Amino acid sequence: MAFMNFKGFFYARNDLRLLKIEKVSQLDGAFYKDYTLVCVKDELNTKSEIFSYKSFKKDLFKENDEILISNWNEKIILFRNLTQKTHNFKEALLYQFILLGFLLLASAFFALLTSINEFSAVDLFFFMLCLVLLIMAFINFSLLQKQIRILTRFDKESIREFLKQRLKRNKIVES
């Protein structure tokens, strides 16, 4: 019953990685910078991977920088540059607060419309949809804060040791 396997379906997995940047390319957009990072192949990273990140700030990454990232596929969600002592935690929290504010206003708007229009089905549907999205955004906000605490709390050596142990454990499980 391989088609019934829902492992990974209900859990949006993002990984924690410690990388050394081999090559940085930066494309300037109208308002943002689009970074493409090529990482060095080493003991923690068995293959040279490419990651992308968009930001309003420039010169966030340089060659030979060591960065600790939380990524989802090839997109960087959170990073902590251990070489330059920079991070994107405030920027990520700001985006999450904007999303929460928008969803809160949309929920209030549809709650008002629902009460004015005597609880019509369309207004109730959009109100419930906004409430579900608001709850999901709060859960995402709490997970984001947890990841930020993980990235700020540990130093380079403890993260390196943790990732080595996780890599060993994954190799044992795959065997």
Foldseek 3Di string as FASTA:
>chain_A
DVVPDCVCVVDQAWDKDKFAFADWDWDDDPQKIKIKTWTDDDDLHPDTDIAIEIGNDPPPDDHRWIKIFTGRPRYTLWIATPVVRDICLVVNLVVLVVVLVVLVVQLVVLVVVCVVVVNDPVSVVSNVVSVVVNVVSVVVSVVSVVVVCVVPVDDDVVVVVVSNVVVVVVVVVVD
